[in-house]
Amino acid sequence: MSKMKVGDKVMWSGSWGGNPPEEVTLTGIQVNESNGSKEGGRVEEVDWESVTERNIIVDLDNGHWAWAFQVKSL
């Protein structure tokens, strides 16, 4: 099972997934208490299988943040 980790490069689609993907680096990962919640705990890594919908928020090196559904593994 592969892991998404702080420091990984991923493809991110801004505008809630509507923009063309661009390569960015993860600077933070938060696992939310529930899907769609903005409250949760910070982690250094998470299984890619669990990166779905709005269960995870990631911080990006371009100054943006994103829901899980907006990022894809390279």
N, C-alpha and C. Protein backbone atom coordinates (compact mmCIF):
# COMPACT_ATOMS: atom_id res chain seq x y z
N MET A 1 0.85 -1.17 0.00
CA MET A 1 0.00 0.00 0.00
C MET A 1 0.90 1.24 0.00
N SER A 2 0.66 2.16 -0.91
CA SER A 2 1.51 3.34 -0.99
C SER A 2 1.00 4.44 -0.06
N LYS A 3 1.92 5.30 0.33
CA LYS A 3 1.63 6.37 1.29
C LYS A 3 1.78 7.73 0.63
N MET A 4 0.93 8.67 1.01
CA MET A 4 1.10 10.07 0.69
C MET A 4 1.81 10.68 1.89
N LYS A 5 2.93 11.38 1.65
CA LYS A 5 3.75 11.90 2.74
C LYS A 5 4.02 13.38 2.54
N VAL A 6 4.20 14.08 3.67
CA VAL A 6 4.65 15.47 3.60
C VAL A 6 5.97 15.48 2.84
N GLY A 7 6.10 16.39 1.88
CA GLY A 7 7.29 16.47 1.04
C GLY A 7 7.11 15.83 -0.32
N ASP A 8 6.06 15.01 -0.49
CA ASP A 8 5.78 14.39 -1.79
C ASP A 8 5.31 15.41 -2.81
N LYS A 9 5.65 15.16 -4.05
CA LYS A 9 5.09 15.93 -5.17
C LYS A 9 3.82 15.23 -5.62
N VAL A 10 2.77 16.03 -5.87
CA VAL A 10 1.48 15.51 -6.31
C VAL A 10 0.95 16.39 -7.43
N MET A 11 -0.09 15.93 -8.09
CA MET A 11 -0.81 16.76 -9.05
C MET A 11 -2.02 17.35 -8.35
N TRP A 12 -2.17 18.67 -8.43
CA TRP A 12 -3.26 19.39 -7.76
C TRP A 12 -4.08 20.13 -8.80
N SER A 13 -5.39 20.06 -8.68
CA SER A 13 -6.31 20.81 -9.54
C SER A 13 -7.02 21.84 -8.69
N GLY A 14 -6.72 23.12 -8.92
CA GLY A 14 -7.35 24.20 -8.18
C GLY A 14 -8.80 24.39 -8.58
N SER A 15 -9.43 25.42 -8.01
CA SER A 15 -10.85 25.72 -8.25
C SER A 15 -11.72 24.50 -8.01
N TRP A 16 -11.47 23.84 -6.87
CA TRP A 16 -12.24 22.66 -6.44
C TRP A 16 -12.19 21.55 -7.47
N GLY A 17 -11.03 21.40 -8.13
CA GLY A 17 -10.83 20.33 -9.10
C GLY A 17 -11.14 20.74 -10.53
N GLY A 18 -11.56 21.98 -10.75
CA GLY A 18 -11.95 22.44 -12.08
C GLY A 18 -10.81 22.94 -12.95
N ASN A 19 -9.69 23.32 -12.34
CA ASN A 19 -8.55 23.82 -13.11
C ASN A 19 -7.68 22.67 -13.61
N PRO A 20 -6.88 22.94 -14.65
CA PRO A 20 -5.92 21.92 -15.11
C PRO A 20 -4.95 21.56 -13.99
N PRO A 21 -4.54 20.30 -13.90
CA PRO A 21 -3.62 19.88 -12.84
C PRO A 21 -2.25 20.53 -12.97
N GLU A 22 -1.63 20.79 -11.82
CA GLU A 22 -0.25 21.28 -11.80
C GLU A 22 0.50 20.56 -10.69
N GLU A 23 1.81 20.42 -10.87
CA GLU A 23 2.64 19.72 -9.90
C GLU A 23 2.96 20.65 -8.73
N VAL A 24 2.74 20.15 -7.52
CA VAL A 24 3.02 20.89 -6.29
C VAL A 24 3.63 19.93 -5.26
N THR A 25 4.15 20.51 -4.17
CA THR A 25 4.71 19.70 -3.09
C THR A 25 3.85 19.85 -1.85
N LEU A 26 3.59 18.73 -1.16
CA LEU A 26 2.80 18.75 0.06
C LEU A 26 3.64 19.30 1.21
N THR A 27 3.10 20.27 1.93
CA THR A 27 3.79 20.82 3.09
C THR A 27 3.09 20.44 4.39
N GLY A 28 1.88 19.88 4.30
CA GLY A 28 1.16 19.44 5.49
C GLY A 28 0.00 18.54 5.12
N ILE A 29 -0.39 17.67 6.04
CA ILE A 29 -1.52 16.75 5.85
C ILE A 29 -2.35 16.75 7.13
N GLN A 30 -3.65 16.90 6.97
CA GLN A 30 -4.59 16.83 8.11
C GLN A 30 -5.65 15.79 7.81
N VAL A 31 -5.84 14.83 8.71
CA VAL A 31 -6.91 13.85 8.60
C VAL A 31 -8.10 14.41 9.38
N ASN A 32 -9.21 14.61 8.70
CA ASN A 32 -10.37 15.25 9.30
C ASN A 32 -11.17 14.29 10.17
N GLU A 33 -11.87 14.87 11.15
CA GLU A 33 -12.71 14.08 12.06
C GLU A 33 -13.83 13.38 11.31
N SER A 34 -14.38 14.04 10.27
CA SER A 34 -15.41 13.44 9.44
C SER A 34 -15.30 14.04 8.04
N ASN A 35 -15.91 13.40 7.07
CA ASN A 35 -15.86 13.88 5.68
C ASN A 35 -16.48 15.27 5.60
N GLY A 36 -15.71 16.24 5.08
CA GLY A 36 -16.20 17.60 4.95
C GLY A 36 -15.87 18.49 6.13
N SER A 37 -15.41 17.92 7.22
CA SER A 37 -15.02 18.70 8.39
C SER A 37 -13.70 19.40 8.11
N LYS A 38 -13.49 20.54 8.73
CA LYS A 38 -12.18 21.20 8.64
C LYS A 38 -11.40 21.01 9.93
N GLU A 39 -11.92 20.22 10.84
CA GLU A 39 -11.25 19.91 12.10
C GLU A 39 -10.64 18.52 12.01
N GLY A 40 -9.42 18.38 12.52
CA GLY A 40 -8.78 17.08 12.49
C GLY A 40 -7.39 17.13 13.07
N GLY A 41 -6.63 16.09 12.82
CA GLY A 41 -5.28 15.98 13.36
C GLY A 41 -4.23 15.98 12.27
N ARG A 42 -3.09 16.59 12.56
CA ARG A 42 -1.97 16.63 11.62
C ARG A 42 -1.22 15.31 11.64
N VAL A 43 -0.82 14.84 10.46
CA VAL A 43 -0.04 13.62 10.32
C VAL A 43 1.08 13.86 9.31
N GLU A 44 2.07 12.99 9.31
CA GLU A 44 3.18 13.09 8.36
C GLU A 44 2.93 12.26 7.10
N GLU A 45 2.05 11.24 7.22
CA GLU A 45 1.74 10.39 6.08
C GLU A 45 0.39 9.73 6.26
N VAL A 46 -0.17 9.27 5.14
CA VAL A 46 -1.47 8.59 5.15
C VAL A 46 -1.51 7.67 3.93
N ASP A 47 -2.24 6.56 4.03
CA ASP A 47 -2.38 5.65 2.89
C ASP A 47 -3.13 6.35 1.76
N TRP A 48 -2.64 6.23 0.52
CA TRP A 48 -3.31 6.83 -0.63
C TRP A 48 -4.74 6.31 -0.77
N GLU A 49 -4.99 5.06 -0.37
CA GLU A 49 -6.35 4.50 -0.46
C GLU A 49 -7.37 5.31 0.33
N SER A 50 -6.92 6.00 1.37
CA SER A 50 -7.84 6.76 2.21
C SER A 50 -7.97 8.22 1.77
N VAL A 51 -7.27 8.60 0.71
CA VAL A 51 -7.31 9.98 0.21
C VAL A 51 -8.47 10.11 -0.76
N THR A 52 -9.65 10.43 -0.22
CA THR A 52 -10.87 10.53 -1.03
C THR A 52 -11.71 11.71 -0.56
N GLU A 53 -12.55 12.19 -1.40
CA GLU A 53 -13.55 13.20 -1.08
C GLU A 53 -12.99 14.36 -0.29
N ARG A 54 -13.56 14.59 0.91
CA ARG A 54 -13.14 15.71 1.76
C ARG A 54 -12.73 15.22 3.14
N ASN A 55 -12.10 14.05 3.17
CA ASN A 55 -11.69 13.48 4.45
C ASN A 55 -10.30 13.92 4.88
N ILE A 56 -9.56 14.54 3.95
CA ILE A 56 -8.20 14.99 4.23
C ILE A 56 -8.03 16.37 3.61
N ILE A 57 -7.29 17.23 4.32
CA ILE A 57 -6.89 18.53 3.80
C ILE A 57 -5.38 18.53 3.70
N VAL A 58 -4.85 19.00 2.57
CA VAL A 58 -3.41 19.10 2.40
C VAL A 58 -3.02 20.55 2.19
N ASP A 59 -1.85 20.92 2.73
CA ASP A 59 -1.26 22.22 2.49
C ASP A 59 -0.23 22.06 1.38
N LEU A 60 -0.15 23.06 0.51
CA LEU A 60 0.69 22.98 -0.69
C LEU A 60 1.75 24.07 -0.68
N ASP A 61 2.86 23.82 -1.36
CA ASP A 61 3.96 24.78 -1.38
C ASP A 61 3.67 26.04 -2.19
N ASN A 62 2.53 26.09 -2.86
CA ASN A 62 2.16 27.29 -3.63
C ASN A 62 1.26 28.23 -2.82
N GLY A 63 1.11 27.94 -1.51
CA GLY A 63 0.32 28.79 -0.64
C GLY A 63 -1.15 28.41 -0.56
N HIS A 64 -1.57 27.40 -1.29
CA HIS A 64 -2.96 26.96 -1.28
C HIS A 64 -3.12 25.74 -0.37
N TRP A 65 -4.38 25.40 -0.09
CA TRP A 65 -4.72 24.14 0.56
C TRP A 65 -5.72 23.44 -0.36
N ALA A 66 -5.93 22.16 -0.14
CA ALA A 66 -6.84 21.41 -1.01
C ALA A 66 -7.48 20.27 -0.24
N TRP A 67 -8.68 19.91 -0.68
CA TRP A 67 -9.34 18.69 -0.21
C TRP A 67 -8.67 17.50 -0.89
N ALA A 68 -8.88 16.32 -0.34
CA ALA A 68 -8.27 15.09 -0.88
C ALA A 68 -8.64 14.87 -2.35
N PHE A 69 -9.88 15.13 -2.74
CA PHE A 69 -10.29 14.84 -4.11
C PHE A 69 -9.58 15.71 -5.15
N GLN A 70 -8.88 16.76 -4.71
CA GLN A 70 -8.20 17.66 -5.63
C GLN A 70 -6.75 17.24 -5.92
N VAL A 71 -6.22 16.21 -5.25
CA VAL A 71 -4.85 15.79 -5.47
C VAL A 71 -4.78 14.35 -5.94
N LYS A 72 -3.77 14.09 -6.75
CA LYS A 72 -3.52 12.75 -7.28
C LYS A 72 -2.04 12.44 -7.17
N SER A 73 -1.72 11.19 -6.98
CA SER A 73 -0.34 10.73 -6.93
C SER A 73 0.33 10.91 -8.28
N LEU A 74 1.62 11.20 -8.27
CA LEU A 74 2.40 11.27 -9.52
C LEU A 74 2.83 9.90 -9.95
